[in-house]
Amino acid sequence: MPVGFYIHIPFCLHKCNYCDFFSVKYDEERLNSYVGAVKKNLRRYPACCADSVYFGGGTPSLLSAGMVYDILSEIDLAENCEVSTECNPSSAGKDKFKGYLDAGINRLSVGIQSLSDRELKASGRLHNSDEAVNTIKSAYSAGFENISADIMLGMPYQTISSLRETLDRIVSLPLTHISAYMLTVAEDTPLASDKALLSASADADTLADMYMLTCEKLEKAGFSHYEISNFASEGYECRHNLRYWRCEPYIGIGTAAHSCYNGKRFYVDNDIDSFINSSEQNEIIYDEAPCDDNERIMLALRLKSGIRAAQLDDELMKKAETIAKAGYLEIKDGIVSLTDKGFLISNEIICRLTMNC
């Protein structure tokens, strides 16, 4: 079976106020050494054919086209392999996009977050709204046909009105995919300790309204709501991310990268120097029996395609029917799936249907 490769690039020019992902300050020399370690670890999987590769971070667009080419040269890529990279408007432009295309990348995920300059500044983003728009246009002009944009809901100073403006502008761009994430305030981030920014962030009710507005606007614009936070034009769902939700095998390379491979889940510690200098990345096993029935139900319910009713026993189906009457689930043609309203409280519904609460 083909696998997916996730390549974690943990370097950033600047860490955003809300971000709790592992990342470090960009350093050219360390990045070069890190790329060498990525290539070394990829050589441990010569027999693995990849039908998806995803460069995440951090800020993967700090990689040169040559670095990307060198990394991809270590992977046995299936024909029509989806090769994605995240990128920030502050570290990418038309010349780099052309280089990425030549190196083998065929899908971009651009971190826009908002098209309000006030919201971008409050969140610590380095770009402004015009730069975000121009990045999308430059990527398209360079030859990219599969472009995704990330936006964030509930960020400081965002209102229903400003979100509507962002959505109106975004759907006019040459995009095939949009990810819309609801802001989570994580401990030990600058946002968590800034009372002014916290008070300017959306409360739970407003955040729910923002989510429902986003679902309505994007679906009306032709983007199918195929996963809790993801919308795509027909045929442009992110194949790599679908691996996670379908419990298909993937291998993570780099600090803080996670894997589900050979019947085990494991992750790499976040010591960059150890990753660079060790003969192999330090992989810590945390689940030797992944993808049991409950986990498959949990992950499948993240998808609009849902799960087969036959996967639920009589007791759980009774619960599902009760939840469906309240408008949070749909049961149709033998499939149980969450509605947009149900996605808002997906954790509670999934908990009930996996008998964990």
Protein backbone atom coordinates (compact mmCIF):
# COMPACT_ATOMS: atom_id res chain seq x y z
CA MET A 1 0.00 0.00 0.00
CA PRO A 2 1.32 3.49 -0.80
CA VAL A 3 2.21 5.72 2.14
CA GLY A 4 2.21 9.45 2.80
CA PHE A 5 5.28 11.34 3.95
CA TYR A 6 5.02 14.36 6.23
CA ILE A 7 8.19 16.51 6.29
CA HIS A 8 8.31 18.91 9.23
CA ILE A 9 10.28 22.14 8.72
CA PRO A 10 10.35 23.80 12.17
CA PHE A 11 11.95 27.13 11.23
CA CYS A 12 10.11 30.46 11.24
CA LEU A 13 11.06 34.08 10.65
CA HIS A 14 8.67 35.04 13.45
CA LYS A 15 6.31 33.09 15.69
CA CYS A 16 2.67 34.18 15.59
CA ASN A 17 0.95 35.22 18.81
CA TYR A 18 -1.45 32.25 18.82
CA CYS A 19 0.92 29.50 17.65
CA ASP A 20 1.84 26.60 19.94
CA PHE A 21 3.40 24.36 17.26
CA PHE A 22 7.05 23.53 17.74
CA SER A 23 9.24 25.98 15.84
CA VAL A 24 12.55 27.82 16.18
CA LYS A 25 14.05 31.00 14.78
CA TYR A 26 15.26 30.68 11.19
CA ASP A 27 18.99 30.14 10.78
CA GLU A 28 20.35 29.39 7.29
CA GLU A 29 23.18 27.15 8.47
CA ARG A 30 20.95 25.09 10.77
CA LEU A 31 18.34 24.76 8.03
CA ASN A 32 20.97 23.36 5.66
CA SER A 33 22.05 20.83 8.29
CA TYR A 34 18.42 19.99 9.04
CA VAL A 35 17.71 19.25 5.37
CA GLY A 36 20.67 16.88 5.36
CA ALA A 37 19.18 15.05 8.34
CA VAL A 38 15.77 14.85 6.62
CA LYS A 39 17.38 13.22 3.58
CA LYS A 40 19.32 10.81 5.80
CA ASN A 41 16.15 9.68 7.57
CA LEU A 42 14.19 9.32 4.35
CA ARG A 43 16.78 6.80 3.15
CA ARG A 44 15.50 4.44 5.86
CA TYR A 45 12.34 3.91 3.77
CA PRO A 46 13.60 2.98 0.29
CA ALA A 47 10.77 0.52 -0.36
CA CYS A 48 7.97 2.96 0.45
CA CYS A 49 6.12 4.35 -2.53
CA ALA A 50 4.48 7.69 -1.67
CA ASP A 51 1.23 8.92 -3.16
CA SER A 52 1.32 12.07 -1.00
CA VAL A 53 4.07 14.24 0.46
CA TYR A 54 3.34 17.20 2.71
CA PHE A 55 5.85 19.84 3.82
CA GLY A 56 4.52 21.43 7.03
CA GLY A 57 5.88 23.63 9.75
CA GLY A 58 7.00 26.04 10.86
CA THR A 59 7.49 27.81 7.57
CA PRO A 60 8.40 25.32 4.83
CA SER A 61 8.57 28.12 2.26
CA LEU A 62 11.92 29.03 3.81
CA LEU A 63 13.25 26.05 1.85
CA SER A 64 14.90 26.82 -1.46
CA ALA A 65 13.69 25.02 -4.56
CA GLY A 66 16.98 23.13 -4.58
CA MET A 67 16.38 21.87 -1.04
CA VAL A 68 12.90 20.70 -1.98
CA TYR A 69 14.26 18.88 -5.03
CA ASP A 70 16.96 17.17 -2.96
CA ILE A 71 14.41 16.00 -0.38
CA LEU A 72 11.94 14.71 -2.97
CA SER A 73 14.77 12.88 -4.74
CA GLU A 74 15.02 10.62 -1.69
CA ILE A 75 11.37 9.49 -2.01
CA ASP A 76 9.88 6.97 -4.41
CA LEU A 77 7.03 9.11 -5.72
CA ALA A 78 4.01 7.39 -7.24
CA GLU A 79 2.70 8.67 -10.53
CA ASN A 80 0.41 11.64 -9.88
CA CYS A 81 1.70 11.93 -6.30
CA GLU A 82 0.24 14.94 -4.49
CA VAL A 83 3.16 17.04 -3.23
CA SER A 84 2.06 19.92 -0.99
CA THR A 85 3.88 22.63 0.87
CA GLU A 86 2.64 25.22 3.30
CA CYS A 87 3.89 28.72 2.60
CA ASN A 88 3.61 32.20 4.08
CA PRO A 89 3.19 35.36 2.00
CA SER A 90 6.21 36.82 3.80
CA SER A 91 8.58 34.14 2.51
CA ALA A 92 7.38 33.27 -1.00
CA GLY A 93 7.02 34.92 -4.38
CA LYS A 94 6.66 34.16 -8.09
CA ASP A 95 10.30 33.15 -8.65
CA LYS A 96 10.21 30.74 -5.72
CA PHE A 97 6.90 29.31 -6.91
CA LYS A 98 8.36 28.58 -10.35
CA GLY A 99 11.28 26.86 -8.67
CA TYR A 100 8.93 24.80 -6.50
CA LEU A 101 7.00 23.64 -9.56
CA ASP A 102 10.23 22.55 -11.23
CA ALA A 103 11.28 20.78 -8.02
CA GLY A 104 8.10 18.69 -7.96
CA ILE A 105 5.62 20.52 -5.75
CA ASN A 106 2.13 20.61 -7.27
CA ARG A 107 -0.02 21.91 -4.41
CA LEU A 108 0.34 25.03 -2.24
CA SER A 109 -1.28 25.80 1.10
CA VAL A 110 -0.97 29.54 1.77
CA GLY A 111 -1.33 30.85 5.32
CA ILE A 112 -3.51 33.91 4.75
CA GLN A 113 -5.48 33.76 8.06
CA SER A 114 -7.34 37.01 7.35
CA LEU A 115 -7.61 39.81 4.83
CA SER A 116 -7.96 42.45 7.53
CA ASP A 117 -4.70 44.28 8.22
CA ARG A 118 -5.74 45.01 11.79
CA GLU A 119 -6.42 41.34 12.50
CA LEU A 120 -3.17 40.24 10.86
CA LYS A 121 -1.11 42.71 12.86
CA ALA A 122 -2.78 41.75 16.15
CA SER A 123 -2.02 38.09 15.49
CA GLY A 124 1.63 38.71 14.74
CA ARG A 125 1.55 37.86 11.04
CA LEU A 126 4.32 39.42 8.97
CA HIS A 127 2.24 40.05 5.84
CA ASN A 128 -0.63 42.39 5.10
CA SER A 129 -3.82 41.70 3.17
CA ASP A 130 -2.52 42.94 -0.20
CA GLU A 131 0.57 40.75 0.11
CA ALA A 132 -1.64 37.75 0.86
CA VAL A 133 -3.79 38.35 -2.21
CA ASN A 134 -0.74 38.95 -4.41
CA THR A 135 0.84 35.72 -3.16
CA ILE A 136 -2.15 33.71 -4.38
CA LYS A 137 -2.14 35.51 -7.71
CA SER A 138 1.63 35.06 -8.10
CA ALA A 139 1.38 31.33 -7.41
CA TYR A 140 -1.36 30.97 -10.00
CA SER A 141 0.58 33.07 -12.50
CA ALA A 142 3.64 30.88 -11.91
CA GLY A 143 1.64 27.84 -12.96
CA PHE A 144 0.10 26.38 -9.80
CA GLU A 145 -3.39 25.04 -10.45
CA ASN A 146 -4.00 23.56 -6.99
CA ILE A 147 -3.85 26.32 -4.36
CA SER A 148 -5.31 26.23 -0.86
CA ALA A 149 -5.66 29.10 1.59
CA ASP A 150 -5.89 28.95 5.38
CA ILE A 151 -8.11 31.38 7.24
CA MET A 152 -8.75 31.69 10.96
CA LEU A 153 -12.03 32.32 12.74
CA GLY A 154 -12.28 34.23 16.00
CA MET A 155 -8.92 36.00 15.90
CA PRO A 156 -8.45 39.29 17.78
CA TYR A 157 -10.60 42.17 16.44
CA GLN A 158 -12.36 39.94 13.94
CA THR A 159 -16.09 40.59 13.60
CA ILE A 160 -18.84 38.94 11.61
CA SER A 161 -18.61 41.86 9.20
CA SER A 162 -14.82 41.68 8.75
CA LEU A 163 -14.97 37.90 8.31
CA ARG A 164 -17.62 38.33 5.63
CA GLU A 165 -15.31 40.75 3.81
CA THR A 166 -12.43 38.27 4.03
CA LEU A 167 -14.60 35.47 2.68
CA ASP A 168 -15.93 37.62 -0.16
CA ARG A 169 -12.39 38.46 -1.26
CA ILE A 170 -11.02 34.94 -0.84
CA VAL A 171 -13.66 33.23 -2.98
CA SER A 172 -12.79 35.59 -5.83
CA LEU A 173 -9.20 34.28 -5.90
CA PRO A 174 -7.97 31.30 -8.00
CA LEU A 175 -8.28 28.79 -5.15
CA THR A 176 -9.26 25.13 -5.20
CA HIS A 177 -9.31 24.57 -1.44
CA ILE A 178 -9.89 26.60 1.74
CA SER A 179 -9.18 25.58 5.34
CA ALA A 180 -11.01 27.51 8.06
CA TYR A 181 -9.75 26.92 11.60
CA MET A 182 -11.38 28.21 14.76
CA LEU A 183 -8.94 29.99 17.05
CA THR A 184 -7.86 28.00 20.08
CA VAL A 185 -6.04 29.93 22.79
CA ALA A 186 -3.19 27.67 23.88
CA GLU A 187 -1.29 28.08 27.12
CA ASP A 188 2.21 29.57 27.00
CA THR A 189 1.52 31.62 23.88
CA PRO A 190 1.72 35.43 23.76
CA LEU A 191 -2.02 35.56 23.03
CA ALA A 192 -2.85 33.65 26.21
CA SER A 193 -1.12 36.24 28.37
CA ASP A 194 -2.36 39.35 26.56
CA LYS A 195 -5.61 40.42 28.22
CA ALA A 196 -6.33 43.09 25.62
CA LEU A 197 -6.04 40.67 22.71
CA LEU A 198 -8.01 38.01 24.57
CA SER A 199 -10.86 40.42 25.20
CA ALA A 200 -10.79 41.38 21.51
CA SER A 201 -11.14 37.73 20.43
CA ALA A 202 -14.51 36.18 19.63
CA ASP A 203 -16.52 34.56 22.41
CA ALA A 204 -17.97 31.07 21.94
CA ASP A 205 -21.33 32.24 20.56
CA THR A 206 -19.76 34.63 18.07
CA LEU A 207 -17.26 31.96 17.03
CA ALA A 208 -20.14 29.57 16.33
CA ASP A 209 -21.84 32.24 14.19
CA MET A 210 -18.57 32.80 12.33
CA TYR A 211 -18.26 29.10 11.60
CA MET A 212 -21.80 28.81 10.27
CA LEU A 213 -21.30 31.93 8.13
CA THR A 214 -18.11 30.43 6.71
CA CYS A 215 -19.84 27.14 5.87
CA GLU A 216 -22.67 28.99 4.14
CA LYS A 217 -20.46 31.37 2.15
CA LEU A 218 -17.93 28.77 1.00
CA GLU A 219 -20.49 26.15 0.03
CA LYS A 220 -22.45 28.79 -1.88
CA ALA A 221 -19.22 29.65 -3.71
CA GLY A 222 -18.77 26.03 -4.82
CA PHE A 223 -16.46 24.71 -2.11
CA SER A 224 -17.74 21.41 -0.76
CA HIS A 225 -17.53 21.06 3.03
CA TYR A 226 -15.77 17.69 3.13
CA GLU A 227 -14.18 17.85 6.62
CA ILE A 228 -14.81 19.85 9.78
CA SER A 229 -12.38 22.62 8.83
CA ASN A 230 -11.88 21.99 5.11
CA PHE A 231 -13.67 22.97 1.91
CA ALA A 232 -12.71 22.05 -1.65
CA SER A 233 -13.70 22.38 -5.26
CA GLU A 234 -14.70 19.03 -6.72
CA GLY A 235 -11.71 16.72 -6.96
CA TYR A 236 -9.38 18.99 -4.96
CA GLU A 237 -9.72 17.54 -1.46
CA CYS A 238 -6.32 17.33 0.23
CA ARG A 239 -5.31 13.71 -0.38
CA HIS A 240 -2.58 13.77 2.23
CA ASN A 241 -4.84 14.97 5.03
CA LEU A 242 -7.45 12.41 4.02
CA ARG A 243 -4.87 9.77 4.96
CA TYR A 244 -5.07 10.91 8.59
CA TRP A 245 -8.86 10.76 8.73
CA ARG A 246 -9.01 7.39 6.98
CA CYS A 247 -6.37 5.79 9.20
CA GLU A 248 -4.04 5.17 6.26
CA PRO A 249 -0.26 4.87 6.81
CA TYR A 250 1.96 7.93 6.91
CA ILE A 251 5.55 8.55 7.97
CA GLY A 252 6.67 11.76 9.67
CA ILE A 253 10.22 12.99 9.19
CA GLY A 254 11.69 15.76 11.34
CA THR A 255 11.36 17.16 14.84
CA ALA A 256 7.89 16.84 16.39
CA ALA A 257 6.64 14.84 13.38
CA HIS A 258 4.09 12.06 13.99
CA SER A 259 3.68 8.73 12.16
CA CYS A 260 1.21 5.90 11.82
CA TYR A 261 3.15 3.08 10.20
CA ASN A 262 3.60 -0.67 10.53
CA GLY A 263 0.83 -0.92 13.12
CA LYS A 264 2.29 1.69 15.46
CA ARG A 265 1.96 5.39 16.18
CA PHE A 266 5.15 7.22 17.06
CA TYR A 267 6.56 10.74 17.12
CA VAL A 268 9.94 12.44 17.01
CA ASP A 269 11.13 14.54 19.93
CA ASN A 270 11.67 18.26 19.39
CA ASP A 271 15.44 18.39 19.88
CA ILE A 272 16.75 19.82 16.61
CA ASP A 273 20.43 19.29 17.43
CA SER A 274 19.76 15.63 18.25
CA PHE A 275 17.82 15.24 15.00
CA ILE A 276 20.67 16.75 12.98
CA ASN A 277 23.51 14.87 14.68
CA SER A 278 22.00 11.43 15.32
CA SER A 279 22.22 8.57 12.83
CA GLU A 280 18.43 8.21 13.05
CA GLN A 281 15.65 10.45 14.34
CA ASN A 282 14.54 9.60 17.88
CA GLU A 283 11.12 7.97 17.40
CA ILE A 284 8.99 7.47 20.50
CA ILE A 285 6.20 4.89 20.25
CA TYR A 286 2.97 5.93 21.93
CA ASP A 287 0.42 3.51 20.47
CA GLU A 288 1.16 -0.02 19.32
CA ALA A 289 -2.43 -0.69 18.29
CA PRO A 290 -3.68 2.36 16.36
CA CYS A 291 -6.87 2.60 14.36
CA ASP A 292 -9.21 0.49 16.49
CA ASP A 293 -12.97 0.63 15.85
CA ASN A 294 -13.53 3.65 18.11
CA GLU A 295 -10.71 5.61 16.50
CA ARG A 296 -11.97 4.82 13.02
CA ILE A 297 -15.43 6.07 13.98
CA MET A 298 -13.95 9.21 15.55
CA LEU A 299 -11.83 10.04 12.49
CA ALA A 300 -14.53 9.13 9.96
CA LEU A 301 -17.01 11.48 11.62
CA ARG A 302 -14.66 14.38 10.92
CA LEU A 303 -15.51 13.80 7.27
CA LYS A 304 -18.74 14.79 5.57
CA SER A 305 -18.79 11.30 4.05
CA GLY A 306 -19.28 9.96 7.60
CA ILE A 307 -19.44 6.29 8.53
CA ARG A 308 -21.60 3.35 7.56
CA ALA A 309 -24.50 2.82 9.95
CA ALA A 310 -23.53 -0.84 10.02
CA GLN A 311 -20.44 0.14 12.00
CA LEU A 312 -22.64 1.21 14.91
CA ASP A 313 -24.41 -1.32 17.11
CA ASP A 314 -28.09 -0.99 18.01
CA GLU A 315 -27.44 1.05 21.15
CA LEU A 316 -25.24 3.55 19.33
CA MET A 317 -27.68 3.80 16.43
CA LYS A 318 -30.41 4.76 18.88
CA LYS A 319 -28.16 7.52 20.17
CA ALA A 320 -27.40 8.58 16.60
CA GLU A 321 -31.10 8.77 15.75
CA THR A 322 -31.76 10.96 18.80
CA ILE A 323 -28.89 13.28 17.86
CA ALA A 324 -30.15 13.37 14.26
CA LYS A 325 -33.58 14.56 15.41
CA ALA A 326 -31.86 17.56 16.99
CA GLY A 327 -30.23 18.41 13.65
CA TYR A 328 -26.64 17.52 14.51
CA LEU A 329 -26.44 14.30 12.49
CA GLU A 330 -27.82 13.10 9.20
CA ILE A 331 -28.68 9.44 8.61
CA LYS A 332 -29.22 8.77 4.92
CA ASP A 333 -28.68 5.78 2.61
CA GLY A 334 -26.99 3.81 5.37
CA ILE A 335 -24.52 6.60 6.18
CA VAL A 336 -24.23 8.53 9.45
CA SER A 337 -22.62 11.97 9.09
CA LEU A 338 -22.40 15.23 10.97
CA THR A 339 -24.23 18.33 9.77
CA ASP A 340 -22.54 21.74 9.78
CA LYS A 341 -24.24 22.41 13.12
CA GLY A 342 -23.01 19.04 14.36
CA PHE A 343 -19.43 19.85 13.41
CA LEU A 344 -19.53 22.64 15.99
CA ILE A 345 -20.00 20.13 18.80
CA SER A 346 -18.26 17.21 17.11
CA ASN A 347 -16.23 16.28 20.19
CA GLU A 348 -19.38 15.73 22.23
CA ILE A 349 -21.12 13.73 19.50
CA ILE A 350 -18.07 11.60 18.75
CA CYS A 351 -17.65 10.95 22.45
CA ARG A 352 -21.19 9.59 22.67
CA LEU A 353 -20.89 7.43 19.56
CA THR A 354 -17.60 5.88 20.60
CA MET A 355 -18.99 5.10 24.07
CA ASN A 356 -16.23 7.10 25.71
CA CYS A 357 -18.62 9.26 27.71
